[in-house]
C-alpha atoms as a PDB file:
ATOM      1  CA  UNK A   1      -0.444   0.137   0.200  1.00  0.00           C
ATOM      2  CA  UNK A   2       2.954   2.328   0.494  1.00  0.00           C
ATOM      3  CA  UNK A   3       3.451   1.717  -2.773  1.00  0.00           C
ATOM      4  CA  UNK A   4       0.067   2.531  -4.007  1.00  0.00           C
ATOM      5  CA  UNK A   5       0.198   5.782  -2.126  1.00  0.00           C
ATOM      6  CA  UNK A   6       3.635   7.326  -3.248  1.00  0.00           C
ATOM      7  CA  UNK A   7       2.891   6.165  -7.335  1.00  0.00           C
ATOM      8  CA  UNK A   8       2.051   8.413  -9.834  1.00  0.00           C
ATOM      9  CA  UNK A   9      -2.213   9.552  -9.880  1.00  0.00           C
ATOM     10  CA  UNK A  10      -4.384   7.617 -11.805  1.00  0.00           C
ATOM     11  CA  UNK A  11      -8.002   9.079 -12.317  1.00  0.00           C
ATOM     12  CA  UNK A  12     -11.257   7.218 -13.855  1.00  0.00           C
ATOM     13  CA  UNK A  13     -14.410   9.221 -14.227  1.00  0.00           C
ATOM     14  CA  UNK A  14     -17.915   7.378 -15.823  1.00  0.00           C
ATOM     15  CA  UNK A  15     -19.236   9.438 -18.419  1.00  0.00           C
ATOM     16  CA  UNK A  16     -22.722   9.098 -19.867  1.00  0.00           C
ATOM     17  CA  UNK A  17     -21.477   7.479 -23.373  1.00  0.00           C
ATOM     18  CA  UNK A  18     -17.687   6.329 -22.146  1.00  0.00           C
ATOM     19  CA  UNK A  19     -14.961   6.071 -20.124  1.00  0.00           C
ATOM     20  CA  UNK A  20     -11.898   8.733 -18.871  1.00  0.00           C
ATOM     21  CA  UNK A  21      -8.590   7.821 -17.637  1.00  0.00           C
ATOM     22  CA  UNK A  22      -5.435   9.921 -16.497  1.00  0.00           C
ATOM     23  CA  UNK A  23      -2.259   8.883 -15.423  1.00  0.00           C
ATOM     24  CA  UNK A  24       0.341  10.743 -14.180  1.00  0.00           C
ATOM     25  CA  UNK A  25       4.045   9.310 -15.440  1.00  0.00           C
ATOM     26  CA  UNK A  26       6.372   9.607 -12.284  1.00  0.00           C
ATOM     27  CA  UNK A  27       9.425   8.058 -14.914  1.00  0.00           C
ATOM     28  CA  UNK A  28      10.568  11.256 -16.270  1.00  0.00           C
ATOM     29  CA  UNK A  29      14.160  12.759 -17.646  1.00  0.00           C
ATOM     30  CA  UNK A  30      16.085  14.577 -19.941  1.00  0.00           C
ATOM     31  CA  UNK A  31      17.825  11.392 -20.636  1.00  0.00           C
ATOM     32  CA  UNK A  32      15.354   9.125 -21.302  1.00  0.00           C
ATOM     33  CA  UNK A  33      14.495   7.701 -24.958  1.00  0.00           C
ATOM     34  CA  UNK A  34      10.902   8.352 -25.257  1.00  0.00           C
ATOM     35  CA  UNK A  35      11.080   7.947 -29.084  1.00  0.00           C
ATOM     36  CA  UNK A  36       8.915   4.932 -28.835  1.00  0.00           C
ATOM     37  CA  UNK A  37       6.408   5.699 -26.887  1.00  0.00           C
ATOM     38  CA  UNK A  38       5.759   9.265 -29.416  1.00  0.00           C
ATOM     39  CA  UNK A  39       5.449   7.007 -32.180  1.00  0.00           C
ATOM     40  CA  UNK A  40       4.682   3.502 -31.987  1.00  0.00           C
ATOM     41  CA  UNK A  41       1.460   1.154 -30.810  1.00  0.00           C
ATOM     42  CA  UNK A  42      -0.823   3.036 -29.045  1.00  0.00           C
ATOM     43  CA  UNK A  43       0.679   5.846 -28.236  1.00  0.00           C
ATOM     44  CA  UNK A  44       1.690   6.380 -24.110  1.00  0.00           C
ATOM     45  CA  UNK A  45       4.604   4.932 -22.899  1.00  0.00           C
ATOM     46  CA  UNK A  46       3.649   1.814 -20.771  1.00  0.00           C
ATOM     47  CA  UNK A  47       4.031   2.766 -17.613  1.00  0.00           C
ATOM     48  CA  UNK A  48       0.658   3.566 -16.627  1.00  0.00           C
ATOM     49  CA  UNK A  49      -2.251   3.145 -19.335  1.00  0.00           C
ATOM     50  CA  UNK A  50      -2.470  -0.447 -20.771  1.00  0.00           C
ATOM     51  CA  UNK A  51      -5.345  -2.384 -23.321  1.00  0.00           C
ATOM     52  CA  UNK A  52      -6.259  -5.169 -21.308  1.00  0.00           C
ATOM     53  CA  UNK A  53      -8.661  -6.134 -24.156  1.00  0.00           C
ATOM     54  CA  UNK A  54     -10.557  -4.298 -27.129  1.00  0.00           C
ATOM     55  CA  UNK A  55     -13.447  -3.132 -24.328  1.00  0.00           C
ATOM     56  CA  UNK A  56     -11.134  -2.665 -21.354  1.00  0.00           C
ATOM     57  CA  UNK A  57      -8.524  -0.208 -20.136  1.00  0.00           C
ATOM     58  CA  UNK A  58      -6.238  -0.631 -17.194  1.00  0.00           C
ATOM     59  CA  UNK A  59      -4.821   2.139 -15.169  1.00  0.00           C
ATOM     60  CA  UNK A  60      -2.328   0.950 -12.422  1.00  0.00           C
ATOM     61  CA  UNK A  61      -0.365   2.776  -9.885  1.00  0.00           C
ATOM     62  CA  UNK A  62       2.304   1.147  -7.254  1.00  0.00           C
ATOM     63  CA  UNK A  63       4.832  -1.116  -8.379  1.00  0.00           C
ATOM     64  CA  UNK A  64       5.125  -1.305 -12.210  1.00  0.00           C
ATOM     65  CA  UNK A  65       6.871  -4.773 -12.645  1.00  0.00           C
ATOM     66  CA  UNK A  66       3.723  -6.492 -10.919  1.00  0.00           C
ATOM     67  CA  UNK A  67       1.700  -4.528 -12.835  1.00  0.00           C
ATOM     68  CA  UNK A  68       2.886  -5.821 -16.081  1.00  0.00           C
ATOM     69  CA  UNK A  69       2.568  -9.526 -14.523  1.00  0.00           C
ATOM     70  CA  UNK A  70      -1.650  -8.698 -13.646  1.00  0.00           C
ATOM     71  CA  UNK A  71      -1.614  -6.915 -17.489  1.00  0.00           C
ATOM     72  CA  UNK A  72      -0.414 -10.115 -19.245  1.00  0.00           C
ATOM     73  CA  UNK A  73      -2.873 -12.089 -16.910  1.00  0.00           C
ATOM     74  CA  UNK A  74      -5.790 -10.074 -17.332  1.00  0.00           C
ATOM     75  CA  UNK A  75      -4.820 -10.361 -21.225  1.00  0.00           C
ATOM     76  CA  UNK A  76      -4.722 -14.032 -21.148  1.00  0.00           C
ATOM     77  CA  UNK A  77      -7.907 -14.238 -19.938  1.00  0.00           C
ATOM     78  CA  UNK A  78      -9.418 -11.791 -22.402  1.00  0.00           C
ATOM     79  CA  UNK A  79      -8.256 -14.176 -24.857  1.00  0.00           C
ATOM     80  CA  UNK A  80      -9.435 -17.040 -23.334  1.00  0.00           C
ATOM     81  CA  UNK A  81     -12.786 -15.962 -22.586  1.00  0.00           C
ATOM     82  CA  UNK A  82     -13.004 -14.783 -26.428  1.00  0.00           C
ATOM     83  CA  UNK A  83     -12.018 -18.129 -27.456  1.00  0.00           C
ATOM     84  CA  UNK A  84     -13.977 -19.899 -25.628  1.00  0.00           C
ATOM     85  CA  UNK A  85     -17.607 -18.069 -25.714  1.00  0.00           C
ATOM     86  CA  UNK A  86     -17.118 -15.808 -29.110  1.00  0.00           C
ATOM     87  CA  UNK A  87     -17.083 -12.715 -27.518  1.00  0.00           C
ATOM     88  CA  UNK A  88     -15.629 -10.054 -25.394  1.00  0.00           C
ATOM     89  CA  UNK A  89     -15.145 -10.585 -21.553  1.00  0.00           C
ATOM     90  CA  UNK A  90     -17.558  -8.528 -19.132  1.00  0.00           C
ATOM     91  CA  UNK A  91     -15.949  -5.846 -17.600  1.00  0.00           C
ATOM     92  CA  UNK A  92     -16.844  -7.202 -13.872  1.00  0.00           C
ATOM     93  CA  UNK A  93     -15.542 -10.789 -14.503  1.00  0.00           C
ATOM     94  CA  UNK A  94     -12.252  -9.817 -15.693  1.00  0.00           C
ATOM     95  CA  UNK A  95     -11.798  -7.655 -12.505  1.00  0.00           C
ATOM     96  CA  UNK A  96     -12.946 -10.433 -10.207  1.00  0.00           C
ATOM     97  CA  UNK A  97     -10.665 -13.510 -12.448  1.00  0.00           C
ATOM     98  CA  UNK A  98      -7.338 -10.665 -11.417  1.00  0.00           C
ATOM     99  CA  UNK A  99      -8.809 -10.254  -7.716  1.00  0.00           C
ATOM    100  CA  UNK A 100      -8.960 -13.673  -7.178  1.00  0.00           C
ATOM    101  CA  UNK A 101      -5.411 -13.970  -8.273  1.00  0.00           C
ATOM    102  CA  UNK A 102      -4.392 -10.890  -6.039  1.00  0.00           C
ATOM    103  CA  UNK A 103      -6.301 -12.344  -2.754  1.00  0.00           C
ATOM    104  CA  UNK A 104      -4.467 -15.509  -3.409  1.00  0.00           C
ATOM    105  CA  UNK A 105      -1.485 -14.258  -3.058  1.00  0.00           C
ATOM    106  CA  UNK A 106      -2.456 -12.773   0.600  1.00  0.00           C
ATOM    107  CA  UNK A 107      -3.702 -16.319   1.680  1.00  0.00           C
ATOM    108  CA  UNK A 108      -0.264 -18.202   1.896  1.00  0.00           C
ATOM    109  CA  UNK A 109       2.891 -17.823   3.619  1.00  0.00           C
ATOM    110  CA  UNK A 110       6.225 -17.044   1.966  1.00  0.00           C
ATOM    111  CA  UNK A 111       4.250 -15.191  -1.071  1.00  0.00           C
ATOM    112  CA  UNK A 112       4.389 -11.346  -1.532  1.00  0.00           C
ATOM    113  CA  UNK A 113       1.109  -9.547  -2.007  1.00  0.00           C
ATOM    114  CA  UNK A 114       1.170  -7.617  -5.452  1.00  0.00           C
ATOM    115  CA  UNK A 115       1.881  -3.986  -4.790  1.00  0.00           C
ATOM    116  CA  UNK A 116      -0.897  -2.620  -7.395  1.00  0.00           C
ATOM    117  CA  UNK A 117      -3.733  -0.957  -7.170  1.00  0.00           C
ATOM    118  CA  UNK A 118      -5.796  -0.950 -10.697  1.00  0.00           C
ATOM    119  CA  UNK A 119      -8.519   1.333 -12.405  1.00  0.00           C
ATOM    120  CA  UNK A 120     -10.780  -0.799 -14.948  1.00  0.00           C
ATOM    121  CA  UNK A 121     -13.015   1.391 -17.582  1.00  0.00           C
ATOM    122  CA  UNK A 122     -14.760  -0.719 -19.715  1.00  0.00           C
ATOM    123  CA  UNK A 123     -18.372  -1.580 -21.799  1.00  0.00           C
ATOM    124  CA  UNK A 124     -20.196  -4.884 -22.315  1.00  0.00           C
ATOM    125  CA  UNK A 125     -23.401  -4.859 -23.348  1.00  0.00           C
ATOM    126  CA  UNK A 126     -24.886  -6.292 -20.252  1.00  0.00           C
ATOM    127  CA  UNK A 127     -23.988  -2.986 -18.186  1.00  0.00           C
ATOM    128  CA  UNK A 128     -22.666  -0.566 -20.467  1.00  0.00           C
ATOM    129  CA  UNK A 129     -19.933   1.736 -19.337  1.00  0.00           C
ATOM    130  CA  UNK A 130     -18.301   0.517 -16.209  1.00  0.00           C
ATOM    131  CA  UNK A 131     -14.968   1.339 -13.973  1.00  0.00           C
ATOM    132  CA  UNK A 132     -14.131  -0.701 -11.113  1.00  0.00           C
ATOM    133  CA  UNK A 133     -10.995  -0.500  -8.661  1.00  0.00           C
ATOM    134  CA  UNK A 134      -9.020  -3.392  -7.152  1.00  0.00           C
ATOM    135  CA  UNK A 135      -6.683  -2.811  -4.571  1.00  0.00           C
ATOM    136  CA  UNK A 136      -3.644  -5.494  -3.519  1.00  0.00           C
ATOM    137  CA  UNK A 137      -5.913  -7.629  -0.813  1.00  0.00           C
ATOM    138  CA  UNK A 138      -8.352  -8.337  -3.858  1.00  0.00           C
ATOM    139  CA  UNK A 139     -11.279  -6.289  -3.002  1.00  0.00           C
ATOM    140  CA  UNK A 140     -12.610  -4.966  -5.748  1.00  0.00           C
ATOM    141  CA  UNK A 141     -15.631  -2.126  -6.260  1.00  0.00           C
ATOM    142  CA  UNK A 142     -17.718  -0.174  -8.558  1.00  0.00           C
ATOM    143  CA  UNK A 143     -16.998   3.933  -9.004  1.00  0.00           C
ATOM    144  CA  UNK A 144     -18.441   6.914 -11.020  1.00  0.00           C
ATOM    145  CA  UNK A 145     -15.265   8.514 -10.648  1.00  0.00           C
ATOM    146  CA  UNK A 146     -12.604   7.593  -8.759  1.00  0.00           C
ATOM    147  CA  UNK A 147      -8.580   8.114  -7.977  1.00  0.00           C
ATOM    148  CA  UNK A 148      -5.785   6.111  -6.835  1.00  0.00           C
ATOM    149  CA  UNK A 149      -1.871   6.643  -6.280  1.00  0.00           C
ATOM    150  CA  UNK A 150      -0.290  10.355  -4.872  1.00  0.00           C
ATOM    151  CA  UNK A 151      -3.175  13.028  -3.830  1.00  0.00           C
ATOM    152  CA  UNK A 152      -6.000  10.416  -4.366  1.00  0.00           C
ATOM    153  CA  UNK A 153      -7.744  12.150  -1.090  1.00  0.00           C
ATOM    154  CA  UNK A 154      -7.176  15.703  -3.014  1.00  0.00           C
ATOM    155  CA  UNK A 155      -8.814  14.459  -6.199  1.00  0.00           C
ATOM    156  CA  UNK A 156     -11.851  12.335  -4.771  1.00  0.00           C
ATOM    157  CA  UNK A 157     -13.162  15.450  -2.967  1.00  0.00           C
ATOM    158  CA  UNK A 158     -12.514  17.374  -6.461  1.00  0.00           C
ATOM    159  CA  UNK A 159     -14.671  14.968  -8.099  1.00  0.00           C
ATOM    160  CA  UNK A 160     -17.094  14.715  -5.102  1.00  0.00           C
ATOM    161  CA  UNK A 161     -18.046  18.378  -6.251  1.00  0.00           C
ATOM    162  CA  UNK A 162     -17.372  18.478  -9.708  1.00  0.00           C
ATOM    163  CA  UNK A 163     -19.078  15.165 -11.113  1.00  0.00           C
ATOM    164  CA  UNK A 164     -22.482  15.304 -12.253  1.00  0.00           C
ATOM    165  CA  UNK A 165     -24.360  11.605 -12.644  1.00  0.00           C
ATOM    166  CA  UNK A 166     -25.860  12.726 -16.319  1.00  0.00           C
ATOM    167  CA  UNK A 167     -22.038  13.991 -17.597  1.00  0.00           C
ATOM    168  CA  UNK A 168     -20.523  13.587 -21.479  1.00  0.00           C
ATOM    169  CA  UNK A 169     -16.941  11.921 -22.520  1.00  0.00           C
ATOM    170  CA  UNK A 170     -16.198  15.720 -23.848  1.00  0.00           C
ATOM    171  CA  UNK A 171     -16.850  17.242 -19.897  1.00  0.00           C
ATOM    172  CA  UNK A 172     -15.620  14.188 -18.483  1.00  0.00           C
ATOM    173  CA  UNK A 173     -12.250  15.193 -20.136  1.00  0.00           C
ATOM    174  CA  UNK A 174     -12.235  18.625 -18.944  1.00  0.00           C
ATOM    175  CA  UNK A 175     -13.021  17.394 -15.632  1.00  0.00           C
ATOM    176  CA  UNK A 176     -10.131  14.886 -15.852  1.00  0.00           C
ATOM    177  CA  UNK A 177      -7.944  17.602 -16.828  1.00  0.00           C
ATOM    178  CA  UNK A 178      -8.810  19.840 -14.319  1.00  0.00           C
ATOM    179  CA  UNK A 179      -8.642  17.642 -11.601  1.00  0.00           C
ATOM    180  CA  UNK A 180      -4.976  16.517 -12.748  1.00  0.00           C
ATOM    181  CA  UNK A 181      -3.942  19.741 -13.139  1.00  0.00           C
ATOM    182  CA  UNK A 182      -4.619  20.906  -9.443  1.00  0.00           C
ATOM    183  CA  UNK A 183      -3.621  17.198  -7.413  1.00  0.00           C
ATOM    184  CA  UNK A 184      -0.312  16.822  -9.750  1.00  0.00           C
ATOM    185  CA  UNK A 185       3.408  17.367  -7.641  1.00  0.00           C
ATOM    186  CA  UNK A 186       4.673  19.269 -11.482  1.00  0.00           C
ATOM    187  CA  UNK A 187       3.854  22.647 -11.234  1.00  0.00           C
ATOM    188  CA  UNK A 188       3.154  22.167 -15.521  1.00  0.00           C
ATOM    189  CA  UNK A 189       0.650  20.227 -17.288  1.00  0.00           C
ATOM    190  CA  UNK A 190       2.308  18.255 -20.144  1.00  0.00           C
ATOM    191  CA  UNK A 191       2.197  15.448 -22.375  1.00  0.00           C
ATOM    192  CA  UNK A 192       5.531  13.681 -21.297  1.00  0.00           C
ATOM    193  CA  UNK A 193       4.078  13.793 -17.275  1.00  0.00           C
ATOM    194  CA  UNK A 194       0.636  12.583 -18.527  1.00  0.00           C
ATOM    195  CA  UNK A 195      -0.917   9.184 -19.968  1.00  0.00           C
ATOM    196  CA  UNK A 196      -4.623   9.697 -21.309  1.00  0.00           C
ATOM    197  CA  UNK A 197      -7.208   7.170 -22.911  1.00  0.00           C
ATOM    198  CA  UNK A 198     -10.932   7.156 -23.702  1.00  0.00           C
ATOM    199  CA  UNK A 199     -12.887   4.199 -24.036  1.00  0.00           C
ATOM    200  CA  UNK A 200     -16.326   5.295 -25.832  1.00  0.00           C
ATOM    201  CA  UNK A 201     -18.617   2.600 -28.564  1.00  0.00           C
ATOM    202  CA  UNK A 202     -18.674   3.142 -32.052  1.00  0.00           C
ATOM    203  CA  UNK A 203     -22.274   4.843 -33.201  1.00  0.00           C
ATOM    204  CA  UNK A 204     -22.213   2.696 -36.316  1.00  0.00           C
ATOM    205  CA  UNK A 205     -20.833  -0.779 -35.455  1.00  0.00           C
ATOM    206  CA  UNK A 206     -22.020  -0.436 -31.583  1.00  0.00           C
ATOM    207  CA  UNK A 207     -18.772  -1.999 -30.665  1.00  0.00           C
ATOM    208  CA  UNK A 208     -16.781  -0.583 -28.258  1.00  0.00           C
ATOM    209  CA  UNK A 209     -13.388   2.459 -28.945  1.00  0.00           C
ATOM    210  CA  UNK A 210     -10.710   2.377 -27.040  1.00  0.00           C
ATOM    211  CA  UNK A 211      -8.179   5.132 -27.231  1.00  0.00           C
ATOM    212  CA  UNK A 212      -5.069   5.816 -25.955  1.00  0.00           C
ATOM    213  CA  UNK A 213      -3.718   9.397 -26.907  1.00  0.00           C
ATOM    214  CA  UNK A 214      -0.310   9.952 -28.181  1.00  0.00           C
ATOM    215  CA  UNK A 215       1.796  12.789 -26.743  1.00  0.00           C
ATOM    216  CA  UNK A 216       1.196  15.076 -29.534  1.00  0.00           C
ATOM    217  CA  UNK A 217      -3.016  14.316 -28.933  1.00  0.00           C
ATOM    218  CA  UNK A 218      -2.534  14.829 -25.029  1.00  0.00           C
ATOM    219  CA  UNK A 219      -0.987  18.220 -25.943  1.00  0.00           C
ATOM    220  CA  UNK A 220      -3.671  20.011 -28.138  1.00  0.00           C
ATOM    221  CA  UNK A 221      -6.235  18.267 -25.304  1.00  0.00           C
ATOM    222  CA  UNK A 222      -4.332  20.399 -23.079  1.00  0.00           C
ATOM    223  CA  UNK A 223      -4.413  23.712 -24.898  1.00  0.00           C
ATOM    224  CA  UNK A 224      -8.407  23.227 -25.896  1.00  0.00           C
ATOM    225  CA  UNK A 225      -8.451  22.805 -22.029  1.00  0.00           C
ATOM    226  CA  UNK A 226      -6.472  25.642 -21.470  1.00  0.00           C
ATOM    227  CA  UNK A 227      -4.049  23.906 -18.999  1.00  0.00           C
ATOM    228  CA  UNK A 228      -1.291  23.747 -21.153  1.00  0.00           C
ATOM    229  CA  UNK A 229       2.213  24.519 -20.429  1.00  0.00           C
ATOM    230  CA  UNK A 230       3.818  27.981 -20.741  1.00  0.00           C
ATOM    231  CA  UNK A 231       6.716  28.683 -22.810  1.00  0.00           C
ATOM    232  CA  UNK A 232       8.989  29.371 -20.804  1.00  0.00           C
ATOM    233  CA  UNK A 233      11.078  31.709 -23.412  1.00  0.00           C
ATOM    234  CA  UNK A 234       7.562  33.589 -24.309  1.00  0.00           C
ATOM    235  CA  UNK A 235       7.076  34.054 -20.730  1.00  0.00           C
ATOM    236  CA  UNK A 236      10.932  35.645 -19.952  1.00  0.00           C
ATOM    237  CA  UNK A 237       9.739  37.571 -23.408  1.00  0.00           C
ATOM    238  CA  UNK A 238       7.221  39.113 -21.993  1.00  0.00           C
ATOM    239  CA  UNK A 239       8.248  39.595 -18.420  1.00  0.00           C
END
């Protein structure tokens, strides 16, 4: 639990037409090679937000190595379900499968529990959009909006004040951005310190559509919501 409370903030908000996840990246530095994160795959650094299945996105806070193990297990469980039943795994069932594994590690001597909390943002035809949180003990719960990691208390109180039941995805993105800007340890908000994802449904095919934003798209969102970091050179000239 100590590792989780010091990990970068991960925030999830459930909307009427989607789910939004955002996460603070702690591993940053001028010498870190981020070229792959900017160009390849689904975007993001693969540090905080992962695609678990075509209908579920996961956000992790805690020991990243433990998270990688759990993410691989979740992906395998989702594919086994798809193979067996020819349908995407229900979101709550995937959360339960991971929680069963996590609970087993708390039950026997000689084993260390996984030092990871997860947020699951998902969609299935049974209960539509859902947001779940699970902790190292194997407990899980459903949320309209929640936060894990550092400064989660501050973020929870901000979400309580601003969250509405009829919030749309666009409004949820704005709420998440504003909350992250107030709770992150850094003074400036930029794509090098932020990961972002949204899950919606395609209006034509009615299939879930998961999107993990690339750094350039995150910067565009920050500009749109007037939260982009100011250019220091411009500020100095203005001064």
